[in-house]
């Protein structure tokens, strides 16, 4: 049975601009706060980045028989398996499992609030790995904290300064932050 935290204040799924907070923003929140701010302020990354393209190809190539891309405000769920009831988040690597767990937790929480109780699976086709995710108390609190902090971060007039992390090398914003080319 899923543990539930009783919260006195309703969760805010909106940015200060009024746009919805997305699962993608939660993923980036766990990786790079600057990227969250840039995305939330409609600063577009390099759409021709080979890393973004690889993610698109993997997403389109796997799980063809399952229903794909269920969308609701702020959510774009990669795959829904109607037989098992699981929702899937497809990634190219297991390097950022914490970030992907936060993203999937967000989807699970939003679905739960819509009356749909389900579980999630993070799947990495290239590695042939799966990780099962349930919306437990710890994940629920992580998602709640992230939502509040994303809203506060995006209300600021300027992005946080760039911080060199391992993700920078493959980031589609690297030219914007560092002036680095591939």
N, C-alpha and C. Protein backbone atom coordinates (compact mmCIF):
# COMPACT_ATOMS: atom_id res chain seq x y z
N UNK A 1 0.84 -1.18 0.00
CA UNK A 1 0.00 0.00 0.00
C UNK A 1 0.89 1.24 0.00
N UNK A 2 0.54 2.23 -0.78
CA UNK A 2 1.32 3.46 -0.88
C UNK A 2 1.07 4.33 0.33
N UNK A 3 2.16 4.82 0.93
CA UNK A 3 2.04 5.73 2.07
C UNK A 3 1.67 7.11 1.56
N UNK A 4 0.82 7.81 2.28
CA UNK A 4 0.43 9.15 1.87
C UNK A 4 0.73 10.14 2.98
N UNK A 5 1.27 11.26 2.57
CA UNK A 5 1.55 12.35 3.50
C UNK A 5 0.38 13.31 3.45
N UNK A 6 -0.09 13.71 4.60
CA UNK A 6 -1.17 14.68 4.65
C UNK A 6 -0.54 16.06 4.63
N UNK A 7 -0.83 16.82 3.59
CA UNK A 7 -0.27 18.15 3.44
C UNK A 7 -1.36 19.18 3.67
N UNK A 8 -1.01 20.24 4.36
CA UNK A 8 -1.98 21.29 4.64
C UNK A 8 -2.13 22.23 3.46
N UNK A 9 -1.09 22.36 2.66
CA UNK A 9 -1.16 23.26 1.52
C UNK A 9 -1.20 22.45 0.22
N UNK A 10 -2.02 22.91 -0.74
CA UNK A 10 -2.08 22.19 -2.01
C UNK A 10 -0.77 22.36 -2.79
N UNK A 11 -0.44 21.36 -3.57
CA UNK A 11 0.78 21.43 -4.38
C UNK A 11 0.58 22.40 -5.54
N UNK A 12 1.62 23.17 -5.81
CA UNK A 12 1.59 24.11 -6.92
C UNK A 12 2.32 23.48 -8.10
N UNK A 13 1.61 23.24 -9.18
CA UNK A 13 2.19 22.66 -10.39
C UNK A 13 2.46 23.72 -11.45
N UNK A 14 2.59 24.96 -11.03
CA UNK A 14 2.78 26.06 -11.98
C UNK A 14 4.02 26.87 -11.66
N UNK A 15 4.63 27.35 -12.73
CA UNK A 15 5.74 28.28 -12.61
C UNK A 15 5.18 29.67 -12.30
N UNK A 16 6.01 30.59 -11.83
CA UNK A 16 5.51 31.95 -11.59
C UNK A 16 4.89 32.58 -12.84
N UNK A 17 5.31 32.16 -14.02
CA UNK A 17 4.76 32.67 -15.28
C UNK A 17 3.35 32.14 -15.55
N UNK A 18 2.93 31.12 -14.79
CA UNK A 18 1.62 30.51 -14.99
C UNK A 18 1.68 29.23 -15.81
N UNK A 19 2.81 29.00 -16.48
CA UNK A 19 2.97 27.77 -17.25
C UNK A 19 3.13 26.60 -16.30
N UNK A 20 2.76 25.38 -16.75
CA UNK A 20 2.89 24.22 -15.86
C UNK A 20 4.35 23.81 -15.65
N UNK A 21 4.63 23.32 -14.47
CA UNK A 21 5.91 22.67 -14.20
C UNK A 21 5.82 21.32 -14.88
N UNK A 22 6.87 20.95 -15.60
CA UNK A 22 6.84 19.69 -16.35
C UNK A 22 7.74 18.65 -15.68
N UNK A 23 7.52 17.41 -16.08
CA UNK A 23 8.39 16.32 -15.61
C UNK A 23 9.82 16.55 -16.03
N UNK A 24 10.02 17.12 -17.20
CA UNK A 24 11.37 17.42 -17.68
C UNK A 24 12.06 18.41 -16.75
N UNK A 25 11.33 19.40 -16.27
CA UNK A 25 11.92 20.36 -15.33
C UNK A 25 12.33 19.66 -14.04
N UNK A 26 11.56 18.69 -13.58
CA UNK A 26 11.95 17.96 -12.39
C UNK A 26 13.22 17.16 -12.63
N UNK A 27 13.34 16.56 -13.82
CA UNK A 27 14.56 15.81 -14.14
C UNK A 27 15.76 16.76 -14.08
N UNK A 28 15.65 17.90 -14.73
CA UNK A 28 16.77 18.83 -14.75
C UNK A 28 17.03 19.46 -13.38
N UNK A 29 16.00 19.58 -12.58
CA UNK A 29 16.18 20.10 -11.22
C UNK A 29 17.18 19.24 -10.45
N UNK A 30 17.13 17.93 -10.67
CA UNK A 30 18.04 17.02 -9.98
C UNK A 30 19.44 17.02 -10.59
N UNK A 31 19.57 17.59 -11.79
CA UNK A 31 20.85 17.58 -12.49
C UNK A 31 21.49 18.96 -12.49
N UNK A 32 20.75 19.99 -12.90
CA UNK A 32 21.32 21.34 -13.06
C UNK A 32 20.24 22.40 -12.88
N UNK A 33 20.34 23.15 -11.81
CA UNK A 33 19.34 24.19 -11.50
C UNK A 33 19.34 25.29 -12.57
N UNK A 34 20.52 25.59 -13.12
CA UNK A 34 20.60 26.61 -14.17
C UNK A 34 19.77 26.20 -15.38
N UNK A 35 19.86 24.95 -15.75
CA UNK A 35 19.11 24.47 -16.91
C UNK A 35 17.60 24.57 -16.66
N UNK A 36 17.17 24.34 -15.43
CA UNK A 36 15.75 24.50 -15.09
C UNK A 36 15.32 25.93 -15.37
N UNK A 37 16.11 26.89 -14.89
CA UNK A 37 15.77 28.30 -15.08
C UNK A 37 15.73 28.63 -16.58
N UNK A 38 16.73 28.19 -17.33
CA UNK A 38 16.79 28.48 -18.77
C UNK A 38 15.57 27.91 -19.50
N UNK A 39 15.23 26.67 -19.22
CA UNK A 39 14.08 26.04 -19.87
C UNK A 39 12.78 26.74 -19.49
N UNK A 40 12.64 27.07 -18.22
CA UNK A 40 11.42 27.72 -17.75
C UNK A 40 11.24 29.12 -18.34
N UNK A 41 12.34 29.72 -18.76
CA UNK A 41 12.29 31.05 -19.36
C UNK A 41 12.38 30.99 -20.89
N UNK A 42 12.05 29.82 -21.45
CA UNK A 42 11.97 29.63 -22.90
C UNK A 42 13.26 29.91 -23.64
N UNK A 43 14.38 29.67 -23.01
CA UNK A 43 15.67 29.78 -23.69
C UNK A 43 15.94 28.39 -24.26
N UNK A 44 15.91 28.30 -25.57
CA UNK A 44 15.95 27.02 -26.27
C UNK A 44 17.37 26.47 -26.35
N UNK A 45 17.53 25.18 -26.07
CA UNK A 45 18.86 24.57 -26.20
C UNK A 45 19.18 24.31 -27.67
N UNK A 46 20.36 23.85 -27.93
CA UNK A 46 20.78 23.47 -29.27
C UNK A 46 19.98 22.23 -29.68
N UNK A 47 18.95 22.42 -30.48
CA UNK A 47 18.06 21.32 -30.88
C UNK A 47 18.75 20.30 -31.78
N UNK A 48 19.90 20.64 -32.33
CA UNK A 48 20.64 19.72 -33.19
C UNK A 48 21.71 18.95 -32.42
N UNK A 49 21.71 19.08 -31.11
CA UNK A 49 22.67 18.36 -30.29
C UNK A 49 22.54 16.86 -30.56
N UNK A 50 23.67 16.19 -30.77
CA UNK A 50 23.62 14.76 -31.07
C UNK A 50 23.08 13.97 -29.88
N UNK A 51 23.22 14.48 -28.69
CA UNK A 51 22.72 13.79 -27.50
C UNK A 51 21.18 13.86 -27.43
N UNK A 52 20.62 15.01 -27.81
CA UNK A 52 19.16 15.11 -27.87
C UNK A 52 18.62 14.19 -28.96
N UNK A 53 19.30 14.15 -30.10
CA UNK A 53 18.88 13.30 -31.21
C UNK A 53 18.92 11.82 -30.82
N UNK A 54 19.97 11.40 -30.12
CA UNK A 54 20.08 10.01 -29.67
C UNK A 54 18.90 9.64 -28.78
N UNK A 55 18.53 10.52 -27.88
CA UNK A 55 17.38 10.26 -27.01
C UNK A 55 16.10 10.09 -27.81
N UNK A 56 15.92 10.93 -28.83
CA UNK A 56 14.72 10.82 -29.67
C UNK A 56 14.68 9.48 -30.40
N UNK A 57 15.82 9.07 -30.96
CA UNK A 57 15.89 7.82 -31.72
C UNK A 57 15.58 6.63 -30.82
N UNK A 58 16.19 6.59 -29.65
CA UNK A 58 15.94 5.47 -28.73
C UNK A 58 14.47 5.44 -28.31
N UNK A 59 13.92 6.59 -28.04
CA UNK A 59 12.51 6.65 -27.63
C UNK A 59 11.60 6.11 -28.74
N UNK A 60 11.88 6.50 -29.98
CA UNK A 60 11.03 6.09 -31.10
C UNK A 60 11.23 4.62 -31.48
N UNK A 61 12.41 4.07 -31.20
CA UNK A 61 12.75 2.72 -31.64
C UNK A 61 12.24 1.60 -30.74
N UNK A 62 12.07 1.86 -29.47
CA UNK A 62 11.72 0.81 -28.52
C UNK A 62 10.26 0.88 -28.09
N UNK A 63 9.74 -0.24 -27.68
CA UNK A 63 8.39 -0.37 -27.12
C UNK A 63 7.30 0.05 -28.10
N UNK A 64 7.45 -0.37 -29.36
CA UNK A 64 6.50 -0.01 -30.41
C UNK A 64 5.10 -0.55 -30.17
N UNK A 65 4.95 -1.69 -29.49
CA UNK A 65 3.63 -2.29 -29.31
C UNK A 65 2.83 -1.63 -28.18
N UNK A 66 3.49 -0.92 -27.33
CA UNK A 66 2.80 -0.30 -26.21
C UNK A 66 2.31 1.10 -26.61
N UNK A 67 1.28 1.56 -25.94
CA UNK A 67 0.79 2.92 -26.19
C UNK A 67 1.87 3.89 -25.76
N UNK A 68 2.13 4.88 -26.58
CA UNK A 68 3.21 5.83 -26.31
C UNK A 68 2.67 7.21 -25.99
N UNK A 69 3.50 7.95 -25.32
CA UNK A 69 3.34 9.37 -25.07
C UNK A 69 1.94 9.80 -24.68
N UNK A 70 1.55 9.45 -23.50
CA UNK A 70 0.32 9.96 -22.92
C UNK A 70 0.64 11.36 -22.41
N UNK A 71 -0.15 12.33 -22.82
CA UNK A 71 0.12 13.70 -22.41
C UNK A 71 -1.02 14.26 -21.58
N UNK A 72 -0.64 15.01 -20.57
CA UNK A 72 -1.55 15.82 -19.76
C UNK A 72 -0.75 17.06 -19.41
N UNK A 73 -1.39 18.06 -18.90
CA UNK A 73 -0.68 19.30 -18.61
C UNK A 73 0.54 19.03 -17.72
N UNK A 74 1.71 19.41 -18.24
CA UNK A 74 2.96 19.24 -17.49
C UNK A 74 3.53 17.84 -17.53
N UNK A 75 2.88 16.93 -18.25
CA UNK A 75 3.34 15.54 -18.28
C UNK A 75 3.37 15.02 -19.71
N UNK A 76 4.43 14.29 -19.99
CA UNK A 76 4.53 13.56 -21.26
C UNK A 76 5.13 12.21 -20.90
N UNK A 77 4.26 11.27 -20.63
CA UNK A 77 4.67 9.94 -20.20
C UNK A 77 5.08 9.15 -21.43
N UNK A 78 6.30 8.60 -21.39
CA UNK A 78 6.85 7.93 -22.57
C UNK A 78 6.02 6.75 -23.04
N UNK A 79 5.72 5.83 -22.15
CA UNK A 79 5.03 4.60 -22.54
C UNK A 79 4.07 4.20 -21.43
N UNK A 80 2.89 3.72 -21.83
CA UNK A 80 1.92 3.15 -20.89
C UNK A 80 1.65 1.72 -21.33
N UNK A 81 1.83 0.79 -20.42
CA UNK A 81 1.53 -0.61 -20.70
C UNK A 81 0.15 -0.88 -20.12
N UNK A 82 -0.84 -0.95 -20.99
CA UNK A 82 -2.22 -1.10 -20.53
C UNK A 82 -2.47 -2.44 -19.84
N UNK A 83 -1.69 -3.46 -20.16
CA UNK A 83 -1.88 -4.78 -19.53
C UNK A 83 -1.41 -4.76 -18.08
N UNK A 84 -0.21 -4.25 -17.83
CA UNK A 84 0.34 -4.26 -16.47
C UNK A 84 -0.06 -3.02 -15.68
N UNK A 85 -0.42 -1.95 -16.39
CA UNK A 85 -0.76 -0.71 -15.72
C UNK A 85 0.46 0.14 -15.37
N UNK A 86 1.64 -0.30 -15.74
CA UNK A 86 2.85 0.47 -15.45
C UNK A 86 3.00 1.61 -16.45
N UNK A 87 3.62 2.70 -15.98
CA UNK A 87 4.06 3.74 -16.88
C UNK A 87 5.58 3.66 -16.96
N UNK A 88 6.11 3.96 -18.12
CA UNK A 88 7.55 3.83 -18.36
C UNK A 88 8.17 5.18 -18.67
N UNK A 89 9.37 5.36 -18.20
CA UNK A 89 10.21 6.47 -18.60
C UNK A 89 11.42 5.84 -19.27
N UNK A 90 11.64 6.14 -20.55
CA UNK A 90 12.72 5.56 -21.34
C UNK A 90 13.90 6.51 -21.35
N UNK A 91 15.06 6.02 -20.97
CA UNK A 91 16.28 6.85 -20.94
C UNK A 91 17.40 6.16 -21.71
N UNK A 92 18.38 6.94 -22.12
CA UNK A 92 19.51 6.41 -22.87
C UNK A 92 20.60 5.86 -21.97
N UNK A 93 20.57 6.22 -20.68
CA UNK A 93 21.62 5.79 -19.76
C UNK A 93 21.08 5.75 -18.33
N UNK A 94 21.72 4.96 -17.50
CA UNK A 94 21.33 4.87 -16.09
C UNK A 94 22.13 5.85 -15.23
N UNK A 95 22.90 6.73 -15.85
CA UNK A 95 23.75 7.66 -15.11
C UNK A 95 22.97 8.62 -14.21
N UNK A 96 21.75 8.94 -14.58
CA UNK A 96 20.98 9.92 -13.82
C UNK A 96 19.69 9.31 -13.28
N UNK A 97 19.83 8.19 -12.59
CA UNK A 97 18.66 7.50 -12.04
C UNK A 97 17.91 8.34 -11.02
N UNK A 98 18.64 9.09 -10.22
CA UNK A 98 17.98 9.93 -9.21
C UNK A 98 17.07 10.96 -9.88
N UNK A 99 17.57 11.57 -10.93
CA UNK A 99 16.79 12.57 -11.66
C UNK A 99 15.57 11.92 -12.33
N UNK A 100 15.77 10.76 -12.91
CA UNK A 100 14.67 10.07 -13.58
C UNK A 100 13.64 9.59 -12.56
N UNK A 101 14.09 9.16 -11.39
CA UNK A 101 13.15 8.76 -10.33
C UNK A 101 12.29 9.94 -9.91
N UNK A 102 12.89 11.12 -9.82
CA UNK A 102 12.13 12.32 -9.45
C UNK A 102 11.10 12.65 -10.53
N UNK A 103 11.50 12.58 -11.78
CA UNK A 103 10.58 12.83 -12.89
C UNK A 103 9.42 11.84 -12.86
N UNK A 104 9.73 10.56 -12.73
CA UNK A 104 8.69 9.54 -12.72
C UNK A 104 7.81 9.68 -11.47
N UNK A 105 8.41 10.05 -10.35
CA UNK A 105 7.64 10.30 -9.13
C UNK A 105 6.63 11.42 -9.32
N UNK A 106 7.03 12.44 -10.05
CA UNK A 106 6.12 13.55 -10.37
C UNK A 106 4.92 13.05 -11.16
N UNK A 107 5.19 12.22 -12.17
CA UNK A 107 4.09 11.67 -12.96
C UNK A 107 3.17 10.81 -12.10
N UNK A 108 3.76 9.98 -11.25
CA UNK A 108 2.95 9.12 -10.38
C UNK A 108 2.09 9.94 -9.42
N UNK A 109 2.66 11.00 -8.87
CA UNK A 109 1.90 11.86 -7.96
C UNK A 109 0.76 12.57 -8.69
N UNK A 110 1.05 13.11 -9.86
CA UNK A 110 0.01 13.79 -10.63
C UNK A 110 -1.10 12.82 -11.02
N UNK A 111 -0.72 11.62 -11.46
CA UNK A 111 -1.72 10.62 -11.83
C UNK A 111 -2.56 10.22 -10.62
N UNK A 112 -1.91 10.04 -9.48
CA UNK A 112 -2.63 9.69 -8.26
C UNK A 112 -3.68 10.77 -7.94
N UNK A 113 -3.31 12.02 -8.10
CA UNK A 113 -4.25 13.10 -7.81
C UNK A 113 -5.38 13.18 -8.83
N UNK A 114 -5.19 12.51 -9.97
CA UNK A 114 -6.25 12.40 -10.98
C UNK A 114 -7.08 11.13 -10.77
N UNK A 115 -6.74 10.36 -9.73
CA UNK A 115 -7.48 9.15 -9.42
C UNK A 115 -6.90 7.88 -10.05
N UNK A 116 -5.68 7.97 -10.59
CA UNK A 116 -5.04 6.81 -11.21
C UNK A 116 -3.86 6.38 -10.36
N UNK A 117 -3.97 5.25 -9.71
CA UNK A 117 -2.88 4.71 -8.91
C UNK A 117 -2.12 3.68 -9.74
N UNK A 118 -0.85 3.93 -9.95
CA UNK A 118 -0.03 3.06 -10.77
C UNK A 118 1.39 3.05 -10.25
N UNK A 119 2.24 2.31 -10.90
CA UNK A 119 3.66 2.28 -10.58
C UNK A 119 4.43 2.56 -11.85
N UNK A 120 5.72 2.86 -11.68
CA UNK A 120 6.52 3.21 -12.83
C UNK A 120 7.73 2.32 -13.02
N UNK A 121 8.23 2.34 -14.23
CA UNK A 121 9.44 1.62 -14.56
C UNK A 121 10.35 2.55 -15.35
N UNK A 122 11.58 2.68 -14.87
CA UNK A 122 12.60 3.38 -15.65
C UNK A 122 13.26 2.29 -16.48
N UNK A 123 13.30 2.49 -17.77
CA UNK A 123 13.91 1.48 -18.64
C UNK A 123 15.02 2.11 -19.47
N UNK A 124 16.12 1.40 -19.55
CA UNK A 124 17.28 1.84 -20.32
C UNK A 124 17.56 0.76 -21.36
N UNK A 125 16.98 0.89 -22.56
CA UNK A 125 17.10 -0.15 -23.58
C UNK A 125 18.54 -0.50 -23.95
N UNK A 126 19.41 0.48 -24.09
CA UNK A 126 20.80 0.21 -24.47
C UNK A 126 21.51 -0.66 -23.45
N UNK A 127 21.14 -0.53 -22.19
CA UNK A 127 21.77 -1.30 -21.11
C UNK A 127 20.96 -2.53 -20.73
N UNK A 128 19.78 -2.67 -21.31
CA UNK A 128 18.86 -3.76 -20.97
C UNK A 128 18.60 -3.82 -19.46
N UNK A 129 18.28 -2.65 -18.90
CA UNK A 129 18.03 -2.56 -17.46
C UNK A 129 16.68 -1.90 -17.22
N UNK A 130 16.07 -2.28 -16.07
CA UNK A 130 14.81 -1.70 -15.61
C UNK A 130 14.90 -1.43 -14.12
N UNK A 131 14.25 -0.36 -13.71
CA UNK A 131 14.19 0.00 -12.29
C UNK A 131 12.73 0.31 -11.97
N UNK A 132 12.19 -0.36 -10.97
CA UNK A 132 10.79 -0.19 -10.59
C UNK A 132 10.67 0.93 -9.56
N UNK A 133 9.67 1.78 -9.76
CA UNK A 133 9.48 2.97 -8.92
C UNK A 133 8.06 2.98 -8.36
N UNK A 134 7.96 3.18 -7.05
CA UNK A 134 6.66 3.35 -6.41
C UNK A 134 6.64 4.71 -5.72
N UNK A 135 5.46 5.28 -5.65
CA UNK A 135 5.30 6.58 -5.00
C UNK A 135 5.19 6.37 -3.49
N UNK A 136 6.34 6.19 -2.84
CA UNK A 136 6.36 6.04 -1.39
C UNK A 136 6.50 7.41 -0.73
N UNK A 137 6.51 7.45 0.56
CA UNK A 137 6.56 8.71 1.30
C UNK A 137 7.82 9.51 0.95
N UNK A 138 8.96 8.84 0.88
CA UNK A 138 10.21 9.54 0.57
C UNK A 138 10.15 10.20 -0.81
N UNK A 139 9.70 9.49 -1.81
CA UNK A 139 9.63 10.05 -3.16
C UNK A 139 8.59 11.16 -3.22
N UNK A 140 7.48 10.98 -2.55
CA UNK A 140 6.43 12.01 -2.50
C UNK A 140 6.99 13.31 -1.92
N UNK A 141 7.77 13.21 -0.85
CA UNK A 141 8.36 14.40 -0.22
C UNK A 141 9.42 15.04 -1.12
N UNK A 142 10.21 14.22 -1.81
CA UNK A 142 11.21 14.75 -2.75
C UNK A 142 10.53 15.54 -3.87
N UNK A 143 9.44 15.01 -4.40
CA UNK A 143 8.72 15.69 -5.48
C UNK A 143 8.13 16.99 -4.96
N UNK A 144 7.51 16.96 -3.80
CA UNK A 144 6.91 18.15 -3.21
C UNK A 144 7.95 19.25 -2.99
N UNK A 145 9.09 18.87 -2.43
CA UNK A 145 10.17 19.84 -2.20
C UNK A 145 10.67 20.41 -3.53
N UNK A 146 10.86 19.55 -4.51
CA UNK A 146 11.34 20.00 -5.82
C UNK A 146 10.36 20.98 -6.46
N UNK A 147 9.08 20.72 -6.38
CA UNK A 147 8.09 21.63 -6.96
C UNK A 147 8.19 23.02 -6.34
N UNK A 148 8.31 23.08 -5.02
CA UNK A 148 8.43 24.37 -4.34
C UNK A 148 9.71 25.09 -4.74
N UNK A 149 10.81 24.35 -4.78
CA UNK A 149 12.09 24.96 -5.10
C UNK A 149 12.18 25.38 -6.57
N UNK A 150 11.57 24.64 -7.46
CA UNK A 150 11.54 25.04 -8.88
C UNK A 150 10.78 26.35 -9.03
N UNK A 151 9.66 26.45 -8.37
CA UNK A 151 8.86 27.68 -8.43
C UNK A 151 9.67 28.87 -7.91
N UNK A 152 10.35 28.69 -6.78
CA UNK A 152 11.17 29.76 -6.21
C UNK A 152 12.33 30.13 -7.13
N UNK A 153 13.01 29.14 -7.68
CA UNK A 153 14.14 29.35 -8.57
C UNK A 153 13.71 30.13 -9.82
N UNK A 154 12.60 29.76 -10.40
CA UNK A 154 12.15 30.37 -11.64
C UNK A 154 11.54 31.75 -11.45
N UNK A 155 11.25 32.12 -10.21
CA UNK A 155 10.75 33.46 -9.92
C UNK A 155 11.89 34.49 -9.91
N UNK A 156 13.11 34.03 -9.82
CA UNK A 156 14.27 34.93 -9.79
C UNK A 156 14.50 35.55 -11.16
N UNK A 157 14.99 36.80 -11.21
CA UNK A 157 15.18 37.47 -12.50
C UNK A 157 16.35 36.93 -13.33
N UNK A 158 17.32 36.30 -12.69
CA UNK A 158 18.48 35.78 -13.39
C UNK A 158 18.71 34.31 -13.04
N UNK A 159 19.32 33.57 -13.97
CA UNK A 159 19.60 32.16 -13.66
C UNK A 159 20.74 32.05 -12.68
N UNK A 160 20.85 30.91 -12.00
CA UNK A 160 22.01 30.69 -11.16
C UNK A 160 23.26 30.70 -12.05
N UNK A 161 24.42 31.02 -11.49
CA UNK A 161 25.64 31.00 -12.32
C UNK A 161 25.94 29.57 -12.78
N UNK A 162 26.64 29.43 -13.90
CA UNK A 162 26.98 28.08 -14.35
C UNK A 162 27.87 27.38 -13.34
N UNK A 163 27.62 26.12 -13.17
CA UNK A 163 28.40 25.29 -12.26
C UNK A 163 28.85 24.08 -13.05
N UNK A 164 30.14 23.88 -13.16
CA UNK A 164 30.68 22.77 -13.97
C UNK A 164 30.36 21.44 -13.29
N UNK A 165 29.61 20.60 -13.99
CA UNK A 165 29.25 19.27 -13.51
C UNK A 165 29.51 18.28 -14.65
N UNK A 166 29.42 17.00 -14.35
CA UNK A 166 29.72 15.99 -15.38
C UNK A 166 28.73 16.02 -16.54
N UNK A 167 27.55 16.53 -16.32
CA UNK A 167 26.53 16.59 -17.36
C UNK A 167 26.85 17.65 -18.41
N UNK A 168 27.64 18.65 -18.08
CA UNK A 168 27.92 19.77 -18.98
C UNK A 168 28.44 19.32 -20.35
N UNK A 169 29.26 18.29 -20.36
CA UNK A 169 29.88 17.82 -21.60
C UNK A 169 28.83 17.45 -22.66
N UNK A 170 27.70 16.89 -22.23
CA UNK A 170 26.67 16.44 -23.16
C UNK A 170 25.44 17.35 -23.19
N UNK A 171 25.51 18.45 -22.49
CA UNK A 171 24.35 19.34 -22.36
C UNK A 171 24.12 20.17 -23.62
N UNK A 172 22.86 20.28 -24.02
CA UNK A 172 22.51 21.08 -25.20
C UNK A 172 22.61 22.58 -24.93
N UNK A 173 22.82 22.99 -23.68
CA UNK A 173 23.01 24.40 -23.32
C UNK A 173 24.48 24.75 -23.13
N UNK A 174 25.39 23.82 -23.37
CA UNK A 174 26.79 24.07 -23.03
C UNK A 174 27.36 25.30 -23.73
N UNK A 175 26.97 25.55 -24.98
CA UNK A 175 27.45 26.76 -25.66
C UNK A 175 26.96 28.01 -24.95
N UNK A 176 25.74 27.96 -24.46
CA UNK A 176 25.17 29.11 -23.76
C UNK A 176 25.93 29.38 -22.45
N UNK A 177 26.26 28.32 -21.75
CA UNK A 177 26.92 28.47 -20.44
C UNK A 177 28.45 28.65 -20.55
N UNK A 178 29.05 27.91 -21.47
CA UNK A 178 30.51 27.83 -21.49
C UNK A 178 31.15 28.23 -22.81
N UNK A 179 30.39 28.35 -23.88
CA UNK A 179 30.98 28.65 -25.17
C UNK A 179 31.79 27.48 -25.74
N UNK A 180 31.41 26.25 -25.33
CA UNK A 180 32.12 25.03 -25.75
C UNK A 180 31.43 24.48 -26.99
N UNK A 181 32.20 23.99 -27.93
CA UNK A 181 31.63 23.31 -29.08
C UNK A 181 32.04 21.85 -29.07
N UNK A 182 31.26 21.02 -29.74
CA UNK A 182 31.55 19.57 -29.77
C UNK A 182 32.72 19.28 -30.66
